[in-house]
PDB file of N, CA and C in Angstrom:
ATOM      1  N   UNK A   1      69.445 206.796 119.372  1.00  0.00           N
ATOM      2  CA  UNK A   1      68.025 206.566 119.163  1.00  0.00           C
ATOM      3  C   UNK A   1      67.664 205.170 119.693  1.00  0.00           C
ATOM      4  N   UNK A   2      66.598 205.097 120.451  1.00  0.00           N
ATOM      5  CA  UNK A   2      66.141 203.825 120.999  1.00  0.00           C
ATOM      6  C   UNK A   2      65.532 202.978 119.889  1.00  0.00           C
ATOM      7  N   UNK A   3      65.738 201.687 119.978  1.00  0.00           N
ATOM      8  CA  UNK A   3      65.260 200.780 118.938  1.00  0.00           C
ATOM      9  C   UNK A   3      64.299 199.749 119.519  1.00  0.00           C
ATOM     10  N   UNK A   4      63.409 199.326 118.668  1.00  0.00           N
ATOM     11  CA  UNK A   4      62.397 198.328 118.971  1.00  0.00           C
ATOM     12  C   UNK A   4      62.571 197.221 117.944  1.00  0.00           C
ATOM     13  N   UNK A   5      62.727 195.987 118.393  1.00  0.00           N
ATOM     14  CA  UNK A   5      62.941 194.860 117.479  1.00  0.00           C
ATOM     15  C   UNK A   5      61.788 193.867 117.589  1.00  0.00           C
ATOM     16  N   UNK A   6      61.615 193.064 116.547  1.00  0.00           N
ATOM     17  CA  UNK A   6      60.608 192.007 116.537  1.00  0.00           C
ATOM     18  C   UNK A   6      61.218 190.717 116.012  1.00  0.00           C
ATOM     19  N   UNK A   7      60.656 189.607 116.473  1.00  0.00           N
ATOM     20  CA  UNK A   7      61.007 188.303 115.925  1.00  0.00           C
ATOM     21  C   UNK A   7      59.725 187.482 115.864  1.00  0.00           C
ATOM     22  N   UNK A   8      59.528 186.793 114.760  1.00  0.00           N
ATOM     23  CA  UNK A   8      58.337 185.975 114.558  1.00  0.00           C
ATOM     24  C   UNK A   8      58.749 184.506 114.633  1.00  0.00           C
ATOM     25  N   UNK A   9      58.167 183.782 115.570  1.00  0.00           N
ATOM     26  CA  UNK A   9      58.528 182.371 115.751  1.00  0.00           C
ATOM     27  C   UNK A   9      57.374 181.431 115.382  1.00  0.00           C
ATOM     28  N   UNK A  10      56.387 181.954 114.637  1.00  0.00           N
ATOM     29  CA  UNK A  10      55.287 181.100 114.163  1.00  0.00           C
ATOM     30  C   UNK A  10      55.838 179.871 113.447  1.00  0.00           C
ATOM     31  N   UNK A  11      55.230 178.736 113.667  1.00  0.00           N
ATOM     32  CA  UNK A  11      55.587 177.534 112.929  1.00  0.00           C
ATOM     33  C   UNK A  11      56.834 176.827 113.424  1.00  0.00           C
ATOM     34  N   UNK A  12      57.497 177.375 114.415  1.00  0.00           N
ATOM     35  CA  UNK A  12      58.700 176.734 114.961  1.00  0.00           C
ATOM     36  C   UNK A  12      58.312 175.794 116.094  1.00  0.00           C
ATOM     37  N   UNK A  13      59.193 174.856 116.383  1.00  0.00           N
ATOM     38  CA  UNK A  13      59.014 174.048 117.584  1.00  0.00           C
ATOM     39  C   UNK A  13      59.428 174.894 118.778  1.00  0.00           C
ATOM     40  N   UNK A  14      59.156 174.406 119.965  1.00  0.00           N
ATOM     41  CA  UNK A  14      59.555 175.152 121.164  1.00  0.00           C
ATOM     42  C   UNK A  14      61.065 175.352 121.207  1.00  0.00           C
ATOM     43  N   UNK A  15      61.809 174.305 120.892  1.00  0.00           N
ATOM     44  CA  UNK A  15      63.272 174.396 120.918  1.00  0.00           C
ATOM     45  C   UNK A  15      63.789 175.379 119.882  1.00  0.00           C
ATOM     46  N   UNK A  16      63.219 175.350 118.687  1.00  0.00           N
ATOM     47  CA  UNK A  16      63.625 176.283 117.641  1.00  0.00           C
ATOM     48  C   UNK A  16      63.299 177.719 118.035  1.00  0.00           C
ATOM     49  N   UNK A  17      62.125 177.927 118.620  1.00  0.00           N
ATOM     50  CA  UNK A  17      61.713 179.277 119.026  1.00  0.00           C
ATOM     51  C   UNK A  17      62.641 179.825 120.104  1.00  0.00           C
ATOM     52  N   UNK A  18      62.967 179.009 121.087  1.00  0.00           N
ATOM     53  CA  UNK A  18      63.859 179.458 122.160  1.00  0.00           C
ATOM     54  C   UNK A  18      65.243 179.772 121.596  1.00  0.00           C
ATOM     55  N   UNK A  19      65.731 178.937 120.703  1.00  0.00           N
ATOM     56  CA  UNK A  19      67.040 179.186 120.083  1.00  0.00           C
ATOM     57  C   UNK A  19      67.016 180.478 119.265  1.00  0.00           C
ATOM     58  N   UNK A  20      65.926 180.717 118.539  1.00  0.00           N
ATOM     59  CA  UNK A  20      65.809 181.934 117.719  1.00  0.00           C
ATOM     60  C   UNK A  20      65.735 183.181 118.598  1.00  0.00           C
ATOM     61  N   UNK A  21      64.986 183.108 119.681  1.00  0.00           N
ATOM     62  CA  UNK A  21      64.883 184.256 120.596  1.00  0.00           C
ATOM     63  C   UNK A  21      66.234 184.508 121.264  1.00  0.00           C
ATOM     64  N   UNK A  22      66.910 183.444 121.687  1.00  0.00           N
ATOM     65  CA  UNK A  22      68.249 183.605 122.284  1.00  0.00           C
ATOM     66  C   UNK A  22      69.216 184.269 121.308  1.00  0.00           C
ATOM     67  N   UNK A  23      69.194 183.827 120.057  1.00  0.00           N
ATOM     68  CA  UNK A  23      70.085 184.406 119.047  1.00  0.00           C
ATOM     69  C   UNK A  23      69.757 185.885 118.829  1.00  0.00           C
ATOM     70  N   UNK A  24      68.473 186.208 118.779  1.00  0.00           N
ATOM     71  CA  UNK A  24      68.064 187.607 118.593  1.00  0.00           C
ATOM     72  C   UNK A  24      68.492 188.450 119.793  1.00  0.00           C
ATOM     73  N   UNK A  25      68.329 187.916 121.002  1.00  0.00           N
ATOM     74  CA  UNK A  25      68.745 188.647 122.198  1.00  0.00           C
ATOM     75  C   UNK A  25      70.256 188.896 122.193  1.00  0.00           C
ATOM     76  N   UNK A  26      71.031 187.926 121.728  1.00  0.00           N
ATOM     77  CA  UNK A  26      72.492 188.099 121.654  1.00  0.00           C
ATOM     78  C   UNK A  26      72.864 189.218 120.684  1.00  0.00           C
ATOM     79  N   UNK A  27      72.080 189.363 119.609  1.00  0.00           N
ATOM     80  CA  UNK A  27      72.373 190.390 118.612  1.00  0.00           C
ATOM     81  C   UNK A  27      71.872 191.777 118.999  1.00  0.00           C
ATOM     82  N   UNK A  28      71.001 191.855 119.996  1.00  0.00           N
ATOM     83  CA  UNK A  28      70.470 193.150 120.434  1.00  0.00           C
ATOM     84  C   UNK A  28      71.566 193.955 121.118  1.00  0.00           C
ATOM     85  N   UNK A  29      71.780 195.135 120.641  1.00  0.00           N
ATOM     86  CA  UNK A  29      72.783 196.038 121.208  1.00  0.00           C
ATOM     87  C   UNK A  29      72.124 196.979 122.200  1.00  0.00           C
ATOM     88  N   UNK A  30      72.896 197.887 122.747  1.00  0.00           N
ATOM     89  CA  UNK A  30      72.431 198.787 123.790  1.00  0.00           C
ATOM     90  C   UNK A  30      71.273 199.688 123.418  1.00  0.00           C
ATOM     91  N   UNK A  31      71.128 199.999 122.132  1.00  0.00           N
ATOM     92  CA  UNK A  31      70.047 200.895 121.734  1.00  0.00           C
ATOM     93  C   UNK A  31      68.684 200.201 121.705  1.00  0.00           C
ATOM     94  N   UNK A  32      68.677 198.876 121.726  1.00  0.00           N
ATOM     95  CA  UNK A  32      67.418 198.126 121.702  1.00  0.00           C
ATOM     96  C   UNK A  32      66.853 198.061 123.119  1.00  0.00           C
ATOM     97  N   UNK A  33      65.634 198.557 123.276  1.00  0.00           N
ATOM     98  CA  UNK A  33      65.019 198.556 124.595  1.00  0.00           C
ATOM     99  C   UNK A  33      63.889 197.537 124.713  1.00  0.00           C
ATOM    100  N   UNK A  34      63.367 197.058 123.585  1.00  0.00           N
ATOM    101  CA  UNK A  34      62.233 196.141 123.605  1.00  0.00           C
ATOM    102  C   UNK A  34      62.339 195.153 122.448  1.00  0.00           C
ATOM    103  N   UNK A  35      62.079 193.886 122.761  1.00  0.00           N
ATOM    104  CA  UNK A  35      62.022 192.852 121.738  1.00  0.00           C
ATOM    105  C   UNK A  35      60.634 192.233 121.797  1.00  0.00           C
ATOM    106  N   UNK A  36      59.889 192.374 120.701  1.00  0.00           N
ATOM    107  CA  UNK A  36      58.557 191.778 120.622  1.00  0.00           C
ATOM    108  C   UNK A  36      58.675 190.406 119.979  1.00  0.00           C
ATOM    109  N   UNK A  37      58.200 189.399 120.695  1.00  0.00           N
ATOM    110  CA  UNK A  37      58.192 188.026 120.184  1.00  0.00           C
ATOM    111  C   UNK A  37      56.767 187.733 119.724  1.00  0.00           C
ATOM    112  N   UNK A  38      56.632 187.434 118.440  1.00  0.00           N
ATOM    113  CA  UNK A  38      55.329 187.104 117.866  1.00  0.00           C
ATOM    114  C   UNK A  38      55.267 185.587 117.781  1.00  0.00           C
ATOM    115  N   UNK A  39      54.463 184.994 118.634  1.00  0.00           N
ATOM    116  CA  UNK A  39      54.398 183.538 118.726  1.00  0.00           C
ATOM    117  C   UNK A  39      53.051 182.985 118.316  1.00  0.00           C
ATOM    118  N   UNK A  40      52.079 183.852 118.138  1.00  0.00           N
ATOM    119  CA  UNK A  40      50.745 183.389 117.773  1.00  0.00           C
ATOM    120  C   UNK A  40      49.990 182.875 118.979  1.00  0.00           C
ATOM    121  N   UNK A  41      48.702 182.606 118.777  1.00  0.00           N
ATOM    122  CA  UNK A  41      47.860 182.185 119.882  1.00  0.00           C
ATOM    123  C   UNK A  41      46.804 181.172 119.446  1.00  0.00           C
ATOM    124  N   UNK A  42      46.338 181.304 118.246  1.00  0.00           N
ATOM    125  CA  UNK A  42      45.218 180.468 117.804  1.00  0.00           C
ATOM    126  C   UNK A  42      45.591 178.997 117.661  1.00  0.00           C
ATOM    127  N   UNK A  43      46.862 178.705 117.483  1.00  0.00           N
ATOM    128  CA  UNK A  43      47.289 177.319 117.351  1.00  0.00           C
ATOM    129  C   UNK A  43      47.613 176.674 118.684  1.00  0.00           C
ATOM    130  N   UNK A  44      47.407 177.375 119.771  1.00  0.00           N
ATOM    131  CA  UNK A  44      47.712 176.861 121.105  1.00  0.00           C
ATOM    132  C   UNK A  44      48.693 177.777 121.817  1.00  0.00           C
ATOM    133  N   UNK A  45      49.023 177.410 123.039  1.00  0.00           N
ATOM    134  CA  UNK A  45      49.855 178.279 123.864  1.00  0.00           C
ATOM    135  C   UNK A  45      51.239 177.703 124.148  1.00  0.00           C
ATOM    136  N   UNK A  46      51.620 176.625 123.501  1.00  0.00           N
ATOM    137  CA  UNK A  46      52.904 175.987 123.793  1.00  0.00           C
ATOM    138  C   UNK A  46      54.083 176.916 123.519  1.00  0.00           C
ATOM    139  N   UNK A  47      54.089 177.598 122.376  1.00  0.00           N
ATOM    140  CA  UNK A  47      55.189 178.517 122.069  1.00  0.00           C
ATOM    141  C   UNK A  47      55.193 179.695 123.024  1.00  0.00           C
ATOM    142  N   UNK A  48      54.025 180.267 123.255  1.00  0.00           N
ATOM    143  CA  UNK A  48      53.926 181.409 124.169  1.00  0.00           C
ATOM    144  C   UNK A  48      54.476 181.036 125.552  1.00  0.00           C
ATOM    145  N   UNK A  49      54.017 179.915 126.076  1.00  0.00           N
ATOM    146  CA  UNK A  49      54.437 179.500 127.413  1.00  0.00           C
ATOM    147  C   UNK A  49      55.931 179.199 127.470  1.00  0.00           C
ATOM    148  N   UNK A  50      56.457 178.554 126.443  1.00  0.00           N
ATOM    149  CA  UNK A  50      57.887 178.219 126.414  1.00  0.00           C
ATOM    150  C   UNK A  50      58.741 179.476 126.355  1.00  0.00           C
ATOM    151  N   UNK A  51      58.357 180.426 125.519  1.00  0.00           N
ATOM    152  CA  UNK A  51      59.116 181.681 125.387  1.00  0.00           C
ATOM    153  C   UNK A  51      59.079 182.462 126.694  1.00  0.00           C
ATOM    154  N   UNK A  52      57.906 182.589 127.278  1.00  0.00           N
ATOM    155  CA  UNK A  52      57.780 183.356 128.523  1.00  0.00           C
ATOM    156  C   UNK A  52      58.556 182.707 129.664  1.00  0.00           C
ATOM    157  N   UNK A  53      58.469 181.393 129.767  1.00  0.00           N
ATOM    158  CA  UNK A  53      59.188 180.692 130.842  1.00  0.00           C
ATOM    159  C   UNK A  53      60.698 180.846 130.667  1.00  0.00           C
ATOM    160  N   UNK A  54      61.171 180.665 129.450  1.00  0.00           N
ATOM    161  CA  UNK A  54      62.610 180.758 129.184  1.00  0.00           C
ATOM    162  C   UNK A  54      63.123 182.183 129.422  1.00  0.00           C
ATOM    163  N   UNK A  55      62.388 183.162 128.951  1.00  0.00           N
ATOM    164  CA  UNK A  55      62.862 184.546 129.027  1.00  0.00           C
ATOM    165  C   UNK A  55      62.713 185.156 130.413  1.00  0.00           C
ATOM    166  N   UNK A  56      61.880 184.575 131.257  1.00  0.00           N
ATOM    167  CA  UNK A  56      61.688 185.106 132.610  1.00  0.00           C
ATOM    168  C   UNK A  56      63.001 185.095 133.395  1.00  0.00           C
ATOM    169  N   UNK A  57      63.880 184.168 133.096  1.00  0.00           N
ATOM    170  CA  UNK A  57      65.150 184.100 133.806  1.00  0.00           C
ATOM    171  C   UNK A  57      66.342 184.523 132.978  1.00  0.00           C
ATOM    172  N   UNK A  58      66.096 185.087 131.816  1.00  0.00           N
ATOM    173  CA  UNK A  58      67.201 185.450 130.919  1.00  0.00           C
ATOM    174  C   UNK A  58      67.922 186.692 131.438  1.00  0.00           C
ATOM    175  N   UNK A  59      69.230 186.683 131.364  1.00  0.00           N
ATOM    176  CA  UNK A  59      70.040 187.779 131.908  1.00  0.00           C
ATOM    177  C   UNK A  59      69.812 189.120 131.215  1.00  0.00           C
ATOM    178  N   UNK A  60      69.417 189.112 129.945  1.00  0.00           N
ATOM    179  CA  UNK A  60      69.212 190.369 129.224  1.00  0.00           C
ATOM    180  C   UNK A  60      67.806 190.936 129.381  1.00  0.00           C
ATOM    181  N   UNK A  61      66.880 190.144 129.900  1.00  0.00           N
ATOM    182  CA  UNK A  61      65.482 190.557 129.982  1.00  0.00           C
ATOM    183  C   UNK A  61      65.209 191.151 131.364  1.00  0.00           C
ATOM    184  N   UNK A  62      64.860 192.430 131.361  1.00  0.00           N
ATOM    185  CA  UNK A  62      64.534 193.135 132.597  1.00  0.00           C
ATOM    186  C   UNK A  62      63.173 192.688 133.115  1.00  0.00           C
ATOM    187  N   UNK A  63      62.191 192.630 132.210  1.00  0.00           N
ATOM    188  CA  UNK A  63      60.861 192.159 132.573  1.00  0.00           C
ATOM    189  C   UNK A  63      60.099 191.770 131.307  1.00  0.00           C
ATOM    190  N   UNK A  64      58.990 191.096 131.508  1.00  0.00           N
ATOM    191  CA  UNK A  64      58.121 190.671 130.411  1.00  0.00           C
ATOM    192  C   UNK A  64      56.824 191.448 130.517  1.00  0.00           C
ATOM    193  N   UNK A  65      56.389 192.024 129.391  1.00  0.00           N
ATOM    194  CA  UNK A  65      55.114 192.737 129.352  1.00  0.00           C
ATOM    195  C   UNK A  65      54.154 191.983 128.452  1.00  0.00           C
ATOM    196  N   UNK A  66      52.939 191.827 128.942  1.00  0.00           N
ATOM    197  CA  UNK A  66      51.892 191.165 128.184  1.00  0.00           C
ATOM    198  C   UNK A  66      50.950 192.251 127.673  1.00  0.00           C
ATOM    199  N   UNK A  67      50.821 192.328 126.371  1.00  0.00           N
ATOM    200  CA  UNK A  67      49.975 193.356 125.784  1.00  0.00           C
ATOM    201  C   UNK A  67      48.556 192.884 125.571  1.00  0.00           C
ATOM    202  N   UNK A  68      47.828 193.646 124.794  1.00  0.00           N
ATOM    203  CA  UNK A  68      46.448 193.301 124.489  1.00  0.00           C
ATOM    204  C   UNK A  68      46.347 192.127 123.530  1.00  0.00           C
ATOM    205  N   UNK A  69      47.363 191.928 122.711  1.00  0.00           N
ATOM    206  CA  UNK A  69      47.378 190.837 121.745  1.00  0.00           C
ATOM    207  C   UNK A  69      47.960 189.588 122.420  1.00  0.00           C
ATOM    208  N   UNK A  70      47.160 188.530 122.600  1.00  0.00           N
ATOM    209  CA  UNK A  70      47.673 187.328 123.262  1.00  0.00           C
ATOM    210  C   UNK A  70      48.697 186.555 122.423  1.00  0.00           C
ATOM    211  N   UNK A  71      48.885 186.958 121.171  1.00  0.00           N
ATOM    212  CA  UNK A  71      49.848 186.301 120.294  1.00  0.00           C
ATOM    213  C   UNK A  71      51.224 186.940 120.316  1.00  0.00           C
ATOM    214  N   UNK A  72      51.424 187.910 121.217  1.00  0.00           N
ATOM    215  CA  UNK A  72      52.705 188.613 121.306  1.00  0.00           C
ATOM    216  C   UNK A  72      53.147 188.724 122.756  1.00  0.00           C
ATOM    217  N   UNK A  73      54.449 188.692 122.940  1.00  0.00           N
ATOM    218  CA  UNK A  73      55.058 188.919 124.246  1.00  0.00           C
ATOM    219  C   UNK A  73      56.174 189.926 124.053  1.00  0.00           C
ATOM    220  N   UNK A  74      56.182 190.977 124.861  1.00  0.00           N
ATOM    221  CA  UNK A  74      57.226 191.991 124.788  1.00  0.00           C
ATOM    222  C   UNK A  74      58.259 191.747 125.881  1.00  0.00           C
ATOM    223  N   UNK A  75      59.513 191.660 125.470  1.00  0.00           N
ATOM    224  CA  UNK A  75      60.618 191.501 126.400  1.00  0.00           C
ATOM    225  C   UNK A  75      61.265 192.871 126.566  1.00  0.00           C
ATOM    226  N   UNK A  76      61.238 193.405 127.758  1.00  0.00           N
ATOM    227  CA  UNK A  76      61.821 194.714 128.038  1.00  0.00           C
ATOM    228  C   UNK A  76      63.278 194.491 128.433  1.00  0.00           C
ATOM    229  N   UNK A  77      64.179 195.080 127.644  1.00  0.00           N
ATOM    230  CA  UNK A  77      65.594 194.878 127.863  1.00  0.00           C
ATOM    231  C   UNK A  77      66.215 196.002 128.697  1.00  0.00           C
ATOM    232  N   UNK A  78      65.601 197.167 128.624  1.00  0.00           N
ATOM    233  CA  UNK A  78      66.056 198.301 129.454  1.00  0.00           C
ATOM    234  C   UNK A  78      64.952 199.336 129.482  1.00  0.00           C
ATOM    235  N   UNK A  79      65.016 200.202 130.479  1.00  0.00           N
ATOM    236  CA  UNK A  79      64.026 201.278 130.603  1.00  0.00           C
ATOM    237  C   UNK A  79      64.400 202.413 129.674  1.00  0.00           C
ATOM    238  N   UNK A  80      63.418 203.112 129.166  1.00  0.00           N
ATOM    239  CA  UNK A  80      63.661 204.281 128.308  1.00  0.00           C
ATOM    240  C   UNK A  80      63.956 205.490 129.161  1.00  0.00           C
TER     241      UNK A  80
END
């Protein structure tokens, strides 16, 4: 069964958020196809930009999808 995971990095610094996303990506197994990072938007875009920049070159991330909610970024780990 395919799995969908989430991580909320609200209130973290950029370094903490990147470390948390990296740790979550390391724990994602083969059944996980998507990791949604909830970074928020109303407090600024620093977390969003840091997460997107870092994950754009990550070995486990196939691509980044931007949804309708500007406070979330979906990391696609594999195709369904």
